[in-house]
Protein backbone atom coordinates (compact mmCIF):
# COMPACT_ATOMS: atom_id res chain seq x y z
CA MET A 1 98.12 -113.50 -40.47
CA THR A 2 97.75 -109.76 -41.14
CA ARG A 3 98.73 -107.60 -38.18
CA MET A 4 98.52 -103.84 -37.65
CA LEU A 5 101.60 -101.69 -37.06
CA LEU A 6 102.45 -101.09 -33.42
CA SER A 7 102.23 -97.62 -31.90
CA PRO A 8 105.35 -96.24 -30.13
CA ARG A 9 103.89 -97.20 -26.73
CA GLU A 10 103.06 -100.70 -27.96
CA ARG A 11 106.58 -101.05 -29.37
CA ARG A 12 108.06 -100.15 -25.97
CA VAL A 13 105.94 -102.81 -24.24
CA ALA A 14 106.66 -105.37 -26.96
CA TRP A 15 110.39 -104.70 -26.71
CA ARG A 16 110.36 -105.20 -22.95
CA LEU A 17 108.43 -108.42 -23.44
CA THR A 18 111.00 -109.50 -26.01
CA GLN A 19 113.78 -108.76 -23.56
CA VAL A 20 112.32 -110.99 -20.87
CA VAL A 21 111.66 -113.75 -23.39
CA LEU A 22 115.27 -113.58 -24.60
CA ILE A 23 116.60 -113.53 -21.06
CA GLY A 24 114.32 -116.43 -20.15
CA ALA A 25 115.38 -118.39 -23.21
CA LEU A 26 119.05 -117.86 -22.37
CA ALA A 27 118.44 -118.97 -18.81
CA ILE A 28 116.52 -122.00 -20.04
CA GLY A 29 119.35 -122.84 -22.39
CA ALA A 30 121.98 -122.45 -19.70
CA LEU A 31 120.06 -124.66 -17.30
CA ALA A 32 119.42 -127.27 -19.95
CA VAL A 33 123.05 -127.35 -21.03
CA ARG A 34 124.18 -127.60 -17.43
CA ASP A 35 121.86 -130.51 -16.72
CA ILE A 36 122.63 -132.29 -19.96
CA VAL A 37 126.37 -131.87 -19.44
CA ARG A 38 125.95 -133.44 -16.03
CA GLU A 39 124.08 -136.31 -17.64
CA GLY A 40 126.79 -136.59 -20.28
CA ALA A 41 129.29 -137.31 -17.55
CA ASP A 42 127.12 -140.27 -16.65
CA GLY A 43 127.23 -141.67 -20.15
CA GLY A 44 124.55 -139.72 -22.05
CA GLY A 45 125.12 -139.39 -25.78
CA SER A 46 124.64 -136.49 -28.17
CA PRO A 47 125.54 -135.59 -31.74
CA PHE A 48 127.37 -132.46 -30.54
CA ALA A 49 130.72 -132.57 -28.71
CA ALA A 50 133.06 -130.07 -27.06
CA THR A 51 136.56 -130.68 -25.73
CA THR A 52 137.81 -128.74 -22.71
CA THR A 53 141.51 -128.67 -21.83
CA VAL A 54 142.18 -128.62 -18.09
CA PRO A 55 145.71 -127.86 -16.83
CA PRO A 56 147.08 -130.08 -14.03
CA ASP A 57 146.75 -128.78 -10.50
CA ASN A 58 150.30 -128.32 -9.15
CA SER A 59 149.37 -126.22 -6.17
CA GLY A 60 149.58 -127.38 -2.62
CA SER A 61 148.15 -126.03 0.59
CA GLY A 62 147.68 -122.30 0.54
CA GLY A 63 148.09 -122.13 -3.22
CA ILE A 64 151.90 -122.39 -3.10
CA PRO A 65 153.24 -124.20 -6.19
CA THR A 66 154.79 -127.57 -5.55
CA THR A 67 157.34 -129.49 -7.53
CA PRO A 68 155.70 -130.72 -10.71
CA ASP A 69 155.02 -134.42 -10.96
CA PRO A 70 156.57 -135.57 -14.26
CA GLU A 71 153.67 -137.94 -14.87
CA ALA A 72 151.09 -135.22 -14.23
CA SER A 73 152.76 -132.42 -16.15
CA THR A 74 150.74 -132.91 -19.34
CA SER A 75 147.28 -131.46 -19.85
CA THR A 76 144.24 -133.68 -19.51
CA SER A 77 141.28 -133.44 -21.86
CA THR A 78 137.65 -133.89 -20.83
CA THR A 79 135.06 -134.40 -23.55
CA THR A 80 131.42 -133.71 -22.74
CA THR A 81 128.36 -133.72 -24.96
CA TRP A 82 125.06 -131.84 -25.02
CA ALA A 83 122.01 -131.14 -27.14
CA PRO A 84 121.03 -127.57 -28.04
CA ALA A 85 118.14 -126.36 -25.89
CA ARG A 86 114.84 -125.39 -27.57
CA SER A 87 112.32 -123.08 -25.99
CA PHE A 88 109.20 -121.04 -26.70
CA THR A 89 106.68 -118.86 -24.90
CA LEU A 90 102.95 -119.54 -24.75
CA VAL A 91 100.20 -117.22 -23.52
CA ALA A 92 96.54 -118.04 -22.95
CA THR A 93 93.51 -115.97 -22.02
CA GLY A 94 89.98 -116.46 -20.73
CA GLU A 95 86.51 -116.17 -22.20
CA LEU A 96 85.72 -113.96 -25.18
CA LEU A 97 82.04 -113.52 -24.37
CA VAL A 98 80.50 -110.92 -26.66
CA HIS A 99 77.38 -109.55 -25.05
CA GLU A 100 75.16 -107.09 -26.91
CA TYR A 101 76.81 -104.07 -25.35
CA VAL A 102 80.29 -105.22 -26.33
CA ALA A 103 79.00 -105.56 -29.89
CA ASP A 104 77.36 -102.13 -29.69
CA ARG A 105 80.72 -100.57 -28.87
CA ALA A 106 82.34 -102.48 -31.74
CA ALA A 107 79.64 -101.06 -34.02
CA ASP A 108 80.60 -97.56 -32.85
CA TYR A 109 84.22 -98.31 -33.73
CA GLY A 110 83.33 -99.84 -37.07
CA GLY A 111 80.83 -97.35 -38.43
CA VAL A 112 77.72 -98.04 -40.44
CA GLY A 113 77.13 -101.70 -41.19
CA THR A 114 80.31 -103.12 -39.71
CA TRP A 115 81.81 -104.02 -36.34
CA ASP A 116 85.41 -103.41 -35.28
CA PHE A 117 86.57 -105.18 -32.11
CA ARG A 118 90.27 -104.44 -32.67
CA PRO A 119 90.46 -101.36 -30.40
CA MET A 120 89.36 -103.50 -27.46
CA PHE A 121 92.58 -105.54 -27.73
CA ARG A 122 94.87 -102.52 -28.24
CA LEU A 123 96.51 -102.58 -24.81
CA VAL A 124 97.05 -106.34 -24.63
CA ARG A 125 98.13 -106.77 -28.25
CA PRO A 126 101.89 -106.38 -27.51
CA ILE A 127 101.74 -109.19 -24.96
CA LEU A 128 99.75 -111.55 -27.17
CA SER A 129 101.68 -110.88 -30.36
CA GLY A 130 104.99 -111.03 -28.50
CA ALA A 131 104.51 -114.71 -27.57
CA ASP A 132 105.48 -117.58 -29.83
CA VAL A 133 102.04 -119.18 -29.37
CA ALA A 134 98.93 -117.31 -28.19
CA LEU A 135 95.65 -119.13 -27.48
CA CYS A 136 92.20 -117.64 -26.98
CA HIS A 137 88.91 -119.14 -25.84
CA LEU A 138 85.96 -118.07 -28.00
CA GLU A 139 82.71 -118.80 -26.20
CA THR A 140 80.21 -117.21 -28.60
CA PRO A 141 79.55 -118.57 -32.13
CA LEU A 142 80.15 -116.22 -35.06
CA SER A 143 77.38 -115.29 -37.47
CA ALA A 144 77.90 -116.16 -41.11
CA ASP A 145 76.90 -112.74 -42.46
CA ASN A 146 75.62 -110.72 -39.47
CA SER A 147 72.03 -111.02 -40.66
CA ASP A 148 70.98 -113.12 -37.66
CA LEU A 149 72.80 -111.53 -34.72
CA ALA A 150 71.60 -112.65 -31.31
CA TYR A 151 72.83 -112.27 -27.76
CA TYR A 152 72.15 -113.79 -24.36
CA PRO A 153 71.00 -116.46 -23.72
CA GLY A 154 71.74 -117.74 -27.22
CA PHE A 155 74.62 -116.13 -29.13
CA ARG A 156 75.42 -115.36 -32.77
CA VAL A 157 77.87 -112.47 -32.75
CA PRO A 158 79.46 -110.32 -35.46
CA PHE A 159 81.93 -112.29 -37.56
CA GLU A 160 84.41 -109.36 -37.51
CA LEU A 161 85.47 -110.64 -34.10
CA ALA A 162 87.56 -113.23 -35.98
CA ASP A 163 89.58 -110.44 -37.60
CA ALA A 164 90.19 -108.79 -34.22
CA ILE A 165 91.33 -112.11 -32.76
CA ALA A 166 93.86 -112.50 -35.56
CA ASP A 167 94.99 -108.88 -35.37
CA ALA A 168 95.52 -109.18 -31.60
CA GLY A 169 98.17 -111.82 -32.23
CA TYR A 170 96.34 -115.04 -31.44
CA ASP A 171 97.50 -118.14 -33.26
CA GLY A 172 94.64 -120.40 -32.22
CA CYS A 173 91.40 -120.59 -30.24
CA SER A 174 89.59 -123.26 -28.30
CA VAL A 175 85.89 -123.12 -29.21
CA ALA A 176 84.25 -125.92 -27.19
CA SER A 177 81.87 -124.31 -24.70
CA ASN A 178 78.31 -124.38 -23.39
CA HIS A 179 77.37 -121.94 -26.18
CA SER A 180 78.95 -123.93 -29.03
CA LEU A 181 75.60 -125.10 -30.41
CA ASP A 182 73.60 -121.92 -29.74
CA ALA A 183 73.33 -121.42 -33.52
CA GLY A 184 73.23 -125.13 -34.38
CA THR A 185 75.48 -126.77 -36.92
CA THR A 186 75.37 -123.65 -39.11
CA GLY A 187 76.88 -121.70 -36.23
CA VAL A 188 79.63 -124.27 -35.89
CA ALA A 189 80.41 -124.01 -39.60
CA SER A 190 80.39 -120.19 -39.71
CA THR A 191 82.59 -119.92 -36.61
CA LEU A 192 85.18 -122.27 -38.09
CA ASP A 193 84.97 -120.62 -41.51
CA HIS A 194 85.56 -117.08 -40.26
CA LEU A 195 88.39 -117.99 -37.91
CA GLY A 196 90.00 -120.03 -40.68
CA ARG A 197 89.63 -117.11 -43.09
CA ALA A 198 91.41 -114.89 -40.57
CA GLY A 199 94.25 -117.40 -40.22
CA VAL A 200 93.41 -118.55 -36.69
CA SER A 201 93.58 -122.28 -35.90
CA THR A 202 90.62 -123.82 -34.10
CA VAL A 203 89.89 -126.87 -31.99
CA GLY A 204 86.78 -127.97 -30.11
CA MET A 205 84.28 -127.94 -32.98
CA ALA A 206 84.13 -130.00 -36.17
CA VAL A 207 81.58 -130.37 -38.94
CA ASP A 208 83.24 -133.44 -40.45
CA ALA A 209 85.79 -136.10 -39.60
CA ALA A 210 88.59 -134.21 -41.33
CA GLY A 211 88.19 -131.34 -38.89
CA ASP A 212 88.00 -133.56 -35.82
CA VAL A 213 91.73 -133.29 -35.05
CA PRO A 214 93.91 -131.29 -32.65
CA ALA A 215 95.18 -127.87 -33.66
CA THR A 216 98.92 -128.05 -34.18
CA PHE A 217 101.70 -125.49 -33.95
CA GLU A 218 105.49 -125.56 -34.01
CA ALA A 219 107.80 -123.23 -32.09
CA ASP A 220 111.60 -123.49 -32.11
CA GLY A 221 111.30 -126.97 -33.56
CA ILE A 222 108.91 -128.20 -30.84
CA PRO A 223 105.62 -129.67 -32.18
CA ILE A 224 102.59 -128.59 -30.10
CA ALA A 225 99.08 -130.08 -30.02
CA HIS A 226 96.03 -128.21 -28.68
CA LEU A 227 92.79 -130.00 -27.74
CA SER A 228 89.47 -128.55 -26.52
CA TYR A 229 86.47 -130.03 -24.66
CA THR A 230 83.39 -128.84 -22.78
CA ASP A 231 81.69 -130.24 -19.70
CA LEU A 232 78.62 -128.01 -20.20
CA MET A 233 76.04 -127.54 -22.94
CA ASN A 234 73.08 -125.16 -23.03
CA GLY A 235 69.68 -126.69 -23.64
CA GLY A 236 70.75 -130.30 -23.61
CA SER A 237 72.99 -132.93 -22.16
CA LEU A 238 76.24 -134.37 -23.44
CA PRO A 239 77.24 -136.17 -25.56
CA THR A 240 75.99 -134.23 -28.55
CA GLU A 241 75.26 -135.95 -31.84
CA PRO A 242 77.47 -136.41 -33.69
CA PRO A 243 80.01 -136.13 -30.86
CA ARG A 244 82.61 -134.45 -33.08
CA LEU A 245 80.47 -131.30 -33.25
CA VAL A 246 81.62 -130.41 -29.74
CA PRO A 247 83.89 -132.85 -27.82
CA ARG A 248 82.83 -133.60 -24.27
CA VAL A 249 84.93 -133.77 -21.12
CA ASP A 250 85.55 -137.45 -20.51
CA ALA A 251 88.86 -138.37 -18.91
CA ASP A 252 89.33 -141.61 -20.84
CA GLU A 253 88.57 -139.99 -24.19
CA ILE A 254 90.80 -137.01 -23.46
CA LEU A 255 93.70 -139.24 -22.47
CA ALA A 256 93.24 -141.32 -25.60
CA ASP A 257 93.27 -138.17 -27.74
CA ALA A 258 96.35 -136.84 -25.95
CA ALA A 259 98.16 -140.15 -26.44
CA ALA A 260 97.25 -140.11 -30.13
CA ALA A 261 98.58 -136.56 -30.45
CA ARG A 262 101.83 -137.66 -28.80
CA THR A 263 102.10 -140.63 -31.14
CA ALA A 264 101.55 -138.28 -34.08
CA GLY A 265 104.62 -136.32 -33.01
CA ALA A 266 103.52 -133.70 -30.50
CA GLU A 267 106.12 -133.00 -27.83
CA PHE A 268 103.89 -130.61 -25.87
CA VAL A 269 100.15 -131.22 -25.41
CA VAL A 270 97.77 -128.49 -24.20
CA LEU A 271 94.18 -129.09 -23.08
CA SER A 272 91.49 -126.40 -22.99
CA LEU A 273 88.57 -127.44 -20.77
CA HIS A 274 85.28 -125.54 -20.43
CA TRP A 275 84.01 -126.64 -17.04
CA GLY A 276 82.98 -125.80 -13.50
CA PRO A 277 80.05 -124.04 -11.77
CA GLU A 278 79.66 -120.47 -13.03
CA TYR A 279 80.91 -117.61 -10.82
CA GLU A 280 82.59 -119.99 -8.34
CA THR A 281 86.17 -118.98 -7.53
CA ALA A 282 87.03 -122.20 -5.72
CA ALA A 283 87.74 -125.26 -7.81
CA SER A 284 85.01 -127.90 -7.71
CA SER A 285 85.73 -131.45 -6.62
CA ARG A 286 85.15 -132.60 -10.21
CA GLN A 287 87.69 -130.13 -11.51
CA GLU A 288 90.24 -131.20 -8.92
CA GLU A 289 89.68 -134.90 -9.66
CA LEU A 290 90.00 -134.39 -13.41
CA VAL A 291 93.19 -132.37 -12.96
CA ALA A 292 94.70 -135.13 -10.84
CA THR A 293 93.78 -137.77 -13.42
CA LEU A 294 94.86 -135.82 -16.49
CA LEU A 295 98.15 -134.49 -15.13
CA ALA A 296 99.07 -137.98 -13.96
CA SER A 297 99.41 -138.90 -17.63
CA PRO A 298 102.75 -138.31 -19.37
CA ASP A 299 100.75 -137.25 -22.43
CA VAL A 300 99.26 -134.07 -20.89
CA ASP A 301 101.57 -131.11 -20.30
CA LEU A 302 99.29 -128.13 -19.59
CA ILE A 303 95.60 -127.55 -18.76
CA LEU A 304 93.82 -124.25 -19.46
CA GLY A 305 90.37 -123.88 -17.86
CA HIS A 306 87.39 -121.73 -18.85
CA GLY A 307 83.71 -121.46 -18.15
CA THR A 308 83.21 -120.04 -14.65
CA HIS A 309 83.75 -116.39 -15.78
CA VAL A 310 86.01 -115.72 -12.80
CA PRO A 311 89.68 -116.55 -12.14
CA GLN A 312 90.22 -119.86 -10.38
CA PRO A 313 93.25 -121.43 -8.66
CA VAL A 314 96.35 -122.93 -10.24
CA ILE A 315 97.42 -126.49 -9.52
CA ARG A 316 100.92 -127.82 -10.15
CA GLN A 317 101.37 -131.58 -10.31
CA ASN A 318 104.33 -133.58 -11.57
CA GLY A 319 105.90 -130.32 -12.72
CA ARG A 320 102.87 -129.59 -14.92
CA TYR A 321 100.36 -126.78 -14.57
CA ALA A 322 96.58 -126.54 -14.58
CA VAL A 323 95.15 -123.02 -14.61
CA ILE A 324 91.67 -124.11 -13.62
CA GLY A 325 89.95 -120.87 -14.62
CA LEU A 326 91.31 -117.92 -16.63
CA GLY A 327 88.26 -115.73 -16.01
CA ASN A 328 86.61 -113.42 -18.52
CA PHE A 329 88.90 -111.70 -21.00
CA LEU A 330 86.24 -109.66 -22.84
CA SER A 331 82.63 -109.45 -21.69
CA ASN A 332 79.99 -107.11 -20.28
CA GLN A 333 79.74 -108.90 -16.95
CA PRO A 334 78.73 -108.13 -14.27
CA GLY A 335 76.28 -106.18 -16.43
CA ASP A 336 74.75 -102.74 -16.04
CA GLU A 337 71.38 -101.05 -15.66
CA ARG A 338 70.29 -102.31 -19.09
CA ARG A 339 70.80 -105.94 -18.19
CA MET A 340 72.11 -106.70 -14.73
CA CYS A 341 73.65 -110.03 -13.85
CA SER A 342 72.58 -110.22 -10.24
CA GLU A 343 74.51 -113.45 -9.67
CA CYS A 344 77.74 -112.12 -11.21
CA PRO A 345 80.40 -111.10 -8.68
CA ALA A 346 82.79 -108.21 -9.28
CA ALA A 347 85.43 -110.76 -10.34
CA THR A 348 83.57 -111.34 -13.64
CA GLN A 349 85.23 -108.12 -14.81
CA ASP A 350 88.63 -109.71 -14.09
CA GLY A 351 90.79 -112.10 -16.06
CA LEU A 352 94.40 -112.93 -16.72
CA ILE A 353 96.94 -113.61 -19.39
CA ALA A 354 98.72 -116.80 -18.34
CA TRP A 355 102.36 -116.86 -19.54
CA PHE A 356 104.54 -119.96 -19.82
CA ALA A 357 108.14 -120.52 -20.87
CA VAL A 358 108.41 -124.04 -22.28
CA GLY A 359 111.55 -125.88 -23.28
CA ASP A 360 113.67 -128.99 -23.26
CA LEU A 361 114.05 -130.59 -19.83
CA SER A 362 117.01 -132.53 -18.58
CA ASP A 363 115.14 -135.85 -18.83
CA GLY A 364 114.66 -135.42 -22.57
CA SER A 365 111.03 -134.30 -22.38
CA VAL A 366 109.55 -130.87 -23.03
CA GLY A 367 107.79 -128.99 -20.25
CA VAL A 368 107.02 -125.71 -18.51
CA ILE A 369 110.13 -124.13 -17.03
CA ASP A 370 108.69 -120.82 -15.87
CA ALA A 371 105.14 -119.52 -15.40
CA GLY A 372 103.58 -116.16 -14.67
CA TYR A 373 100.53 -114.03 -15.34
CA VAL A 374 99.32 -110.52 -16.08
CA PRO A 375 95.97 -109.63 -14.46
CA THR A 376 93.43 -107.98 -16.76
CA TRP A 377 90.29 -105.87 -16.34
CA VAL A 378 87.65 -104.83 -18.87
CA ARG A 379 86.96 -101.10 -19.10
CA ARG A 380 83.22 -101.54 -19.49
CA SER A 381 82.25 -97.94 -18.74
CA SER A 382 83.43 -96.63 -22.10
CA THR A 383 85.89 -98.32 -24.45
CA TYR A 384 85.59 -102.00 -23.52
CA GLU A 385 89.36 -102.10 -23.72
CA ILE A 386 91.04 -105.06 -22.03
CA VAL A 387 93.47 -103.46 -19.58
CA PRO A 388 96.70 -105.34 -18.66
CA LEU A 389 97.17 -104.31 -15.04
CA GLY A 390 100.69 -103.25 -14.16
CA ILE A 391 101.64 -103.10 -17.85
CA ASP A 392 99.59 -100.36 -19.54
CA GLU A 393 96.97 -98.83 -17.27
CA PRO A 394 94.86 -95.88 -18.51
CA ALA A 395 95.66 -92.70 -16.61
CA ASP A 396 92.00 -91.66 -16.39
CA VAL A 397 90.82 -94.79 -14.56
CA ASP A 398 90.74 -94.72 -10.76
CA PRO A 399 93.92 -96.55 -9.64
CA ALA A 400 92.06 -97.95 -6.64
CA VAL A 401 89.62 -99.76 -8.93
CA LEU A 402 92.46 -101.33 -10.89
CA ALA A 403 94.35 -102.23 -7.73
CA GLU A 404 91.28 -103.96 -6.29
CA SER A 405 90.85 -106.01 -9.47
CA ALA A 406 94.50 -107.06 -9.35
CA ARG A 407 94.13 -107.95 -5.67
CA ARG A 408 91.13 -110.17 -6.36
CA THR A 409 92.97 -112.10 -9.05
CA ALA A 410 96.20 -112.39 -7.04
CA ALA A 411 94.29 -113.85 -4.10
CA VAL A 412 93.15 -116.71 -6.35
CA VAL A 413 96.02 -117.54 -8.72
CA GLU A 414 99.07 -116.81 -6.58
CA PRO A 415 101.43 -118.37 -5.64
CA GLY A 416 100.73 -120.88 -8.41
CA LEU A 417 101.65 -118.18 -10.92
CA ARG A 418 103.87 -115.18 -10.21
CA ARG A 419 102.62 -111.79 -11.28
CA LEU A 420 104.42 -110.08 -14.14
CA THR A 421 104.55 -106.27 -14.32
CA ILE A 422 106.23 -103.85 -16.67
CA ASP A 423 109.24 -103.94 -14.31
CA SER A 424 109.39 -107.71 -14.81
CA PHE A 425 109.88 -107.09 -18.51
CA GLY A 426 112.47 -104.36 -18.03
């Protein structure tokens, strides 16, 4: 995909991100080799071998040399085997929910007759583009030609958003949400067309059987499958007809799809689920039950949740993670004097970038080895920039406001995820 050149400040942040990724990868590799070597001593096989020569121990108590034993005076050789460790980093973000006032600002950036959302991602771009795989969640359908733009409660937003998503460094987007059918089947088609044109993979909508498949990626030789479903739909009940237009949240169907993806070769399977009561920080009983069911399967490795517009807790089960709600990443919530959202709490201005280091595990599977997050906040008063808190904070924004946003998010997602700051990457 086409990406803009980084500014000096962005390069500094990207380099620090690269440093932590490299350090993490080395640590992952060292741990994997250690564990696999231990297994090798128990009889595990591998196509790679190393021979270590160990001199005989001729020391006695206190380290004083003793008389050599003629039968023990020759060196002994120990041969162990291991497989090279593979690893990659994955980041995921919350809702891209383009309200009218977000689009108005993009129109200011773009000039007459066009919309430019790229400046809104400027501060988070180094983090997104620095990951091996970056996943977004697009909640609002894209217009085919911007001749029919519409905003809340039904959305058709400027198609230039697809170009900004690609430029920000995203590799793929989940698109199953309660707004998926706001513009009908034509909205489904135009959303998929524009994201495809921009080079961004999609999952969670399909206009035909050929498109009704997981999005797939590969990082460091590890095949990845991404699936997307919604538990909500505006103006109607699920399932939709035909069901492939927008897949629904059904545990049995999801597990069957995940198993099929595994059979097709995926070693790491990610689910994006649009679910939960809006504006509720606590996980619902349905969310908790679905997490327990889905993470009990060996075919599901990671769950990314969207839909409530506020950050929600993180659950870890069987060594696998479910970030139940990633919050809003770009939106106009909680609104302003032009259109207030009276039910929207302050946390609707908050979100997070979830960060995962994934690699080979000692049991031969692939899984999450390390997990963290960067809290984010939307600068709605002027630029609509997405601010990565603790990484690149604007000097002209009240630090107390940013600190309060970070506190709100930390209270929900920690200790399930550890917070990453610019010092973490240094």
